[in-house]
Amino acid sequence: MQRHLRLRRKEDFARLRQQGRVWQHPLLILSVTSNGLAHNRYGFVTSKRLGTAVVRNRIRRLLREAVREVHAHLRQGYDIAFVARPRIAGQPFQVVRQAVSVSLQRAGLYNPPAEGSSS
């Protein structure tokens, strides 16, 4: 994921916690707030409760790839954080991608591409 699309600063995550709107899914928690920029920024939280560093890194990679696939279809101008829940550990990519898509649709940020489109 490109550097300008990342949420990394502690202050940004704190602002998301205080001002953000939250949507819950069995595999993850989505927190969203507007950022005043022309693009979205994404953050991924994987606590030690999820497992070893190998497990946490795999979860982050799966979440980043799922977001990369839907990024072009999202409304822009938001800070978005995904907090992984323990049940996400060991899930295949299709399940993680579905959880990300459903959460973003519930938040009103995702318009899925029409069936048969070349995206």
N, C-alpha and C. Protein backbone atom coordinates (compact mmCIF):
# COMPACT_ATOMS: atom_id res chain seq x y z
N MET A 1 0.85 -1.18 0.00
CA MET A 1 0.00 0.00 0.00
C MET A 1 0.90 1.24 0.00
N GLN A 2 0.51 2.22 -0.77
CA GLN A 2 1.32 3.44 -0.89
C GLN A 2 1.38 4.18 0.44
N ARG A 3 2.52 4.84 0.68
CA ARG A 3 2.78 5.50 1.95
C ARG A 3 1.73 6.55 2.31
N HIS A 4 1.29 7.34 1.34
CA HIS A 4 0.32 8.40 1.65
C HIS A 4 -1.08 7.84 1.96
N LEU A 5 -1.30 6.56 1.74
CA LEU A 5 -2.59 5.94 2.05
C LEU A 5 -2.59 5.23 3.41
N ARG A 6 -1.48 5.34 4.14
CA ARG A 6 -1.38 4.64 5.42
C ARG A 6 -1.72 5.55 6.59
N LEU A 7 -2.34 4.97 7.59
CA LEU A 7 -2.55 5.63 8.88
C LEU A 7 -1.48 5.06 9.80
N ARG A 8 -0.60 5.92 10.32
CA ARG A 8 0.49 5.40 11.13
C ARG A 8 0.64 6.12 12.46
N ARG A 9 0.25 7.37 12.52
CA ARG A 9 0.49 8.17 13.72
C ARG A 9 -0.50 7.83 14.83
N LYS A 10 0.01 7.80 16.05
CA LYS A 10 -0.81 7.50 17.21
C LYS A 10 -1.97 8.47 17.33
N GLU A 11 -1.74 9.75 16.98
CA GLU A 11 -2.78 10.78 17.06
C GLU A 11 -3.94 10.49 16.10
N ASP A 12 -3.61 9.94 14.93
CA ASP A 12 -4.66 9.61 13.96
C ASP A 12 -5.56 8.48 14.48
N PHE A 13 -4.95 7.47 15.08
CA PHE A 13 -5.73 6.37 15.64
C PHE A 13 -6.55 6.86 16.83
N ALA A 14 -5.99 7.75 17.63
CA ALA A 14 -6.73 8.30 18.78
C ALA A 14 -7.93 9.11 18.30
N ARG A 15 -7.76 9.90 17.23
CA ARG A 15 -8.87 10.67 16.67
C ARG A 15 -9.96 9.74 16.14
N LEU A 16 -9.56 8.65 15.52
CA LEU A 16 -10.53 7.66 15.04
C LEU A 16 -11.32 7.07 16.20
N ARG A 17 -10.63 6.76 17.30
CA ARG A 17 -11.32 6.20 18.47
C ARG A 17 -12.31 7.19 19.06
N GLN A 18 -11.93 8.47 19.11
CA GLN A 18 -12.79 9.47 19.75
C GLN A 18 -13.92 9.93 18.84
N GLN A 19 -13.63 10.19 17.57
CA GLN A 19 -14.62 10.80 16.68
C GLN A 19 -15.22 9.83 15.68
N GLY A 20 -14.58 8.68 15.49
CA GLY A 20 -15.00 7.77 14.43
C GLY A 20 -16.30 7.04 14.71
N ARG A 21 -16.94 6.66 13.65
CA ARG A 21 -18.13 5.82 13.72
C ARG A 21 -17.67 4.37 13.57
N VAL A 22 -18.30 3.44 14.30
CA VAL A 22 -17.82 2.06 14.36
C VAL A 22 -18.88 1.10 13.84
N TRP A 23 -18.41 0.13 13.05
CA TRP A 23 -19.24 -0.98 12.57
C TRP A 23 -18.54 -2.27 12.97
N GLN A 24 -19.32 -3.22 13.51
CA GLN A 24 -18.73 -4.46 13.97
C GLN A 24 -19.13 -5.62 13.06
N HIS A 25 -18.19 -6.51 12.87
CA HIS A 25 -18.36 -7.74 12.11
C HIS A 25 -17.73 -8.84 12.96
N PRO A 26 -18.16 -10.08 12.84
CA PRO A 26 -17.56 -11.13 13.67
C PRO A 26 -16.04 -11.25 13.52
N LEU A 27 -15.48 -10.87 12.36
CA LEU A 27 -14.05 -11.02 12.14
C LEU A 27 -13.26 -9.74 12.36
N LEU A 28 -13.93 -8.58 12.31
CA LEU A 28 -13.19 -7.33 12.43
C LEU A 28 -14.11 -6.20 12.88
N ILE A 29 -13.48 -5.12 13.30
CA ILE A 29 -14.19 -3.90 13.67
C ILE A 29 -13.70 -2.81 12.73
N LEU A 30 -14.63 -2.05 12.17
CA LEU A 30 -14.32 -0.98 11.23
C LEU A 30 -14.62 0.35 11.91
N SER A 31 -13.65 1.26 11.89
CA SER A 31 -13.82 2.59 12.44
C SER A 31 -13.53 3.60 11.34
N VAL A 32 -14.43 4.58 11.17
CA VAL A 32 -14.33 5.53 10.06
C VAL A 32 -14.59 6.94 10.54
N THR A 33 -13.80 7.88 10.05
CA THR A 33 -14.06 9.31 10.25
C THR A 33 -13.51 10.07 9.04
N SER A 34 -14.06 11.23 8.76
CA SER A 34 -13.58 11.98 7.60
C SER A 34 -12.23 12.59 7.92
N ASN A 35 -11.40 12.78 6.88
CA ASN A 35 -10.05 13.28 7.11
C ASN A 35 -9.75 14.60 6.40
N GLY A 36 -10.66 15.11 5.59
CA GLY A 36 -10.44 16.37 4.91
C GLY A 36 -9.43 16.31 3.78
N LEU A 37 -9.05 15.12 3.38
CA LEU A 37 -8.11 14.94 2.27
C LEU A 37 -8.86 14.44 1.04
N ALA A 38 -8.18 14.42 -0.08
CA ALA A 38 -8.79 13.95 -1.32
C ALA A 38 -8.71 12.43 -1.47
N HIS A 39 -8.11 11.77 -0.49
CA HIS A 39 -7.97 10.31 -0.58
C HIS A 39 -8.21 9.70 0.80
N ASN A 40 -8.40 8.40 0.80
CA ASN A 40 -8.57 7.66 2.06
C ASN A 40 -7.21 7.29 2.62
N ARG A 41 -7.17 7.12 3.94
CA ARG A 41 -6.00 6.56 4.61
C ARG A 41 -6.48 5.36 5.42
N TYR A 42 -5.67 4.30 5.43
CA TYR A 42 -6.08 3.05 6.05
C TYR A 42 -5.11 2.65 7.16
N GLY A 43 -5.66 2.12 8.24
CA GLY A 43 -4.85 1.59 9.33
C GLY A 43 -5.32 0.20 9.69
N PHE A 44 -4.40 -0.62 10.17
CA PHE A 44 -4.72 -2.00 10.51
C PHE A 44 -4.17 -2.29 11.90
N VAL A 45 -5.04 -2.75 12.79
CA VAL A 45 -4.66 -3.04 14.17
C VAL A 45 -4.76 -4.54 14.39
N THR A 46 -3.62 -5.13 14.77
CA THR A 46 -3.58 -6.56 15.07
C THR A 46 -2.89 -6.72 16.42
N SER A 47 -3.67 -7.00 17.44
CA SER A 47 -3.12 -7.11 18.80
C SER A 47 -2.46 -8.46 19.02
N LYS A 48 -1.71 -8.55 20.08
CA LYS A 48 -1.02 -9.80 20.40
C LYS A 48 -1.98 -10.92 20.77
N ARG A 49 -3.24 -10.57 21.06
CA ARG A 49 -4.23 -11.61 21.36
C ARG A 49 -4.50 -12.50 20.15
N LEU A 50 -4.17 -12.02 18.95
CA LEU A 50 -4.44 -12.79 17.73
C LEU A 50 -3.49 -13.97 17.56
N GLY A 51 -2.30 -13.88 18.14
CA GLY A 51 -1.34 -14.97 18.00
C GLY A 51 0.07 -14.45 17.86
N THR A 52 0.93 -15.29 17.31
CA THR A 52 2.34 -14.95 17.15
C THR A 52 2.50 -13.86 16.08
N ALA A 53 3.72 -13.35 15.96
CA ALA A 53 4.01 -12.31 14.98
C ALA A 53 3.71 -12.81 13.56
N VAL A 54 3.97 -14.07 13.30
CA VAL A 54 3.70 -14.63 11.97
C VAL A 54 2.20 -14.56 11.66
N VAL A 55 1.38 -14.91 12.62
CA VAL A 55 -0.08 -14.88 12.45
C VAL A 55 -0.56 -13.44 12.26
N ARG A 56 -0.07 -12.51 13.10
CA ARG A 56 -0.49 -11.12 13.00
C ARG A 56 -0.07 -10.51 11.67
N ASN A 57 1.13 -10.80 11.21
CA ASN A 57 1.59 -10.27 9.93
C ASN A 57 0.76 -10.81 8.78
N ARG A 58 0.40 -12.09 8.83
CA ARG A 58 -0.43 -12.67 7.77
C ARG A 58 -1.80 -11.99 7.74
N ILE A 59 -2.38 -11.74 8.91
CA ILE A 59 -3.68 -11.07 8.98
C ILE A 59 -3.57 -9.67 8.38
N ARG A 60 -2.51 -8.94 8.73
CA ARG A 60 -2.31 -7.60 8.15
C ARG A 60 -2.18 -7.65 6.64
N ARG A 61 -1.42 -8.62 6.14
CA ARG A 61 -1.26 -8.75 4.68
C ARG A 61 -2.59 -9.05 4.00
N LEU A 62 -3.39 -9.94 4.59
CA LEU A 62 -4.70 -10.27 4.02
C LEU A 62 -5.61 -9.04 4.01
N LEU A 63 -5.63 -8.30 5.12
CA LEU A 63 -6.48 -7.11 5.19
C LEU A 63 -6.02 -6.06 4.18
N ARG A 64 -4.71 -5.83 4.08
CA ARG A 64 -4.20 -4.84 3.12
C ARG A 64 -4.56 -5.22 1.68
N GLU A 65 -4.44 -6.49 1.35
CA GLU A 65 -4.77 -6.93 -0.01
C GLU A 65 -6.26 -6.77 -0.28
N ALA A 66 -7.10 -7.10 0.69
CA ALA A 66 -8.55 -6.94 0.51
C ALA A 66 -8.89 -5.47 0.30
N VAL A 67 -8.27 -4.58 1.04
CA VAL A 67 -8.52 -3.14 0.89
C VAL A 67 -7.99 -2.66 -0.46
N ARG A 68 -6.82 -3.14 -0.87
CA ARG A 68 -6.25 -2.74 -2.16
C ARG A 68 -7.20 -3.07 -3.31
N GLU A 69 -7.86 -4.22 -3.22
CA GLU A 69 -8.78 -4.63 -4.28
C GLU A 69 -10.02 -3.74 -4.37
N VAL A 70 -10.50 -3.22 -3.24
CA VAL A 70 -11.74 -2.43 -3.26
C VAL A 70 -11.49 -0.93 -3.23
N HIS A 71 -10.24 -0.50 -3.07
CA HIS A 71 -9.92 0.92 -2.91
C HIS A 71 -10.51 1.79 -4.02
N ALA A 72 -10.46 1.34 -5.25
CA ALA A 72 -10.95 2.14 -6.38
C ALA A 72 -12.47 2.35 -6.34
N HIS A 73 -13.18 1.52 -5.60
CA HIS A 73 -14.64 1.60 -5.54
C HIS A 73 -15.16 2.27 -4.27
N LEU A 74 -14.25 2.86 -3.49
CA LEU A 74 -14.64 3.49 -2.23
C LEU A 74 -14.81 4.99 -2.37
N ARG A 75 -15.71 5.55 -1.56
CA ARG A 75 -15.80 7.00 -1.45
C ARG A 75 -14.52 7.48 -0.79
N GLN A 76 -14.01 8.63 -1.24
CA GLN A 76 -12.72 9.13 -0.77
C GLN A 76 -12.90 10.22 0.29
N GLY A 77 -11.83 10.46 1.06
CA GLY A 77 -11.84 11.50 2.07
C GLY A 77 -12.06 10.99 3.48
N TYR A 78 -11.68 9.74 3.76
CA TYR A 78 -11.93 9.15 5.07
C TYR A 78 -10.67 8.49 5.62
N ASP A 79 -10.56 8.48 6.94
CA ASP A 79 -9.60 7.64 7.64
C ASP A 79 -10.34 6.40 8.06
N ILE A 80 -9.79 5.24 7.74
CA ILE A 80 -10.47 3.96 7.97
C ILE A 80 -9.52 3.03 8.70
N ALA A 81 -9.95 2.51 9.84
CA ALA A 81 -9.13 1.56 10.60
C ALA A 81 -9.86 0.23 10.70
N PHE A 82 -9.13 -0.83 10.49
CA PHE A 82 -9.64 -2.19 10.63
C PHE A 82 -8.96 -2.80 11.86
N VAL A 83 -9.75 -3.22 12.83
CA VAL A 83 -9.23 -3.89 14.02
C VAL A 83 -9.60 -5.36 13.91
N ALA A 84 -8.57 -6.20 13.80
CA ALA A 84 -8.80 -7.64 13.63
C ALA A 84 -9.25 -8.25 14.95
N ARG A 85 -10.24 -9.14 14.84
CA ARG A 85 -10.71 -9.89 16.01
C ARG A 85 -10.11 -11.29 15.96
N PRO A 86 -10.05 -11.98 17.10
CA PRO A 86 -9.39 -13.29 17.15
C PRO A 86 -9.93 -14.31 16.14
N ARG A 87 -11.21 -14.24 15.81
CA ARG A 87 -11.79 -15.23 14.88
C ARG A 87 -11.24 -15.12 13.46
N ILE A 88 -10.54 -14.02 13.14
CA ILE A 88 -10.02 -13.84 11.78
C ILE A 88 -8.78 -14.71 11.55
N ALA A 89 -8.11 -15.10 12.62
CA ALA A 89 -6.89 -15.91 12.50
C ALA A 89 -7.21 -17.23 11.81
N GLY A 90 -6.42 -17.54 10.80
CA GLY A 90 -6.58 -18.81 10.08
C GLY A 90 -7.64 -18.80 8.99
N GLN A 91 -8.33 -17.69 8.80
CA GLN A 91 -9.37 -17.62 7.76
C GLN A 91 -8.71 -17.46 6.38
N PRO A 92 -9.29 -18.04 5.34
CA PRO A 92 -8.75 -17.87 3.99
C PRO A 92 -9.04 -16.45 3.47
N PHE A 93 -8.30 -16.06 2.43
CA PHE A 93 -8.42 -14.71 1.90
C PHE A 93 -9.85 -14.36 1.47
N GLN A 94 -10.57 -15.31 0.85
CA GLN A 94 -11.93 -15.03 0.38
C GLN A 94 -12.82 -14.58 1.54
N VAL A 95 -12.67 -15.20 2.69
CA VAL A 95 -13.49 -14.86 3.86
C VAL A 95 -13.12 -13.48 4.38
N VAL A 96 -11.83 -13.18 4.43
CA VAL A 96 -11.37 -11.86 4.88
C VAL A 96 -11.85 -10.78 3.92
N ARG A 97 -11.73 -11.03 2.62
CA ARG A 97 -12.18 -10.06 1.61
C ARG A 97 -13.68 -9.80 1.76
N GLN A 98 -14.45 -10.85 1.99
CA GLN A 98 -15.89 -10.70 2.17
C GLN A 98 -16.20 -9.87 3.41
N ALA A 99 -15.48 -10.10 4.50
CA ALA A 99 -15.69 -9.35 5.74
C ALA A 99 -15.39 -7.87 5.54
N VAL A 100 -14.31 -7.57 4.82
CA VAL A 100 -13.94 -6.17 4.53
C VAL A 100 -15.01 -5.53 3.67
N SER A 101 -15.45 -6.20 2.62
CA SER A 101 -16.47 -5.66 1.71
C SER A 101 -17.78 -5.39 2.43
N VAL A 102 -18.23 -6.35 3.22
CA VAL A 102 -19.49 -6.20 3.94
C VAL A 102 -19.41 -5.03 4.92
N SER A 103 -18.29 -4.93 5.64
CA SER A 103 -18.14 -3.84 6.61
C SER A 103 -18.14 -2.48 5.92
N LEU A 104 -17.45 -2.38 4.79
CA LEU A 104 -17.41 -1.11 4.06
C LEU A 104 -18.77 -0.76 3.45
N GLN A 105 -19.52 -1.77 3.03
CA GLN A 105 -20.87 -1.52 2.51
C GLN A 105 -21.78 -1.03 3.62
N ARG A 106 -21.70 -1.62 4.80
CA ARG A 106 -22.50 -1.17 5.94
C ARG A 106 -22.19 0.28 6.30
N ALA A 107 -20.92 0.65 6.14
CA ALA A 107 -20.51 2.02 6.46
C ALA A 107 -20.90 3.00 5.36
N GLY A 108 -21.40 2.49 4.23
CA GLY A 108 -21.81 3.35 3.13
C GLY A 108 -20.66 3.89 2.32
N LEU A 109 -19.51 3.21 2.36
CA LEU A 109 -18.33 3.69 1.65
C LEU A 109 -18.05 2.92 0.37
N TYR A 110 -18.65 1.75 0.19
CA TYR A 110 -18.28 0.85 -0.90
C TYR A 110 -19.44 0.65 -1.85
N ASN A 111 -19.17 0.91 -3.12
CA ASN A 111 -20.12 0.59 -4.19
C ASN A 111 -19.49 -0.51 -5.03
N PRO A 112 -19.94 -1.75 -4.86
CA PRO A 112 -19.31 -2.85 -5.59
C PRO A 112 -19.44 -2.66 -7.10
N PRO A 113 -18.44 -3.13 -7.86
CA PRO A 113 -18.52 -3.01 -9.32
C PRO A 113 -19.68 -3.85 -9.85
N ALA A 114 -20.25 -3.42 -10.95
CA ALA A 114 -21.36 -4.16 -11.56
C ALA A 114 -20.87 -5.52 -12.05
N GLU A 115 -21.75 -6.50 -12.01
CA GLU A 115 -21.40 -7.84 -12.48
C GLU A 115 -20.98 -7.77 -13.94
N GLY A 116 -19.93 -8.49 -14.27
CA GLY A 116 -19.49 -8.54 -15.65
C GLY A 116 -18.57 -7.38 -16.03
N SER A 117 -18.30 -6.45 -15.10
CA SER A 117 -17.39 -5.36 -15.44
C SER A 117 -15.96 -5.87 -15.40
N SER A 118 -15.07 -5.18 -16.03
CA SER A 118 -13.70 -5.65 -16.15
C SER A 118 -12.80 -5.18 -15.02
N SER A 119 -13.33 -4.73 -13.89
CA SER A 119 -12.50 -4.29 -12.77
C SER A 119 -12.09 -5.42 -11.90
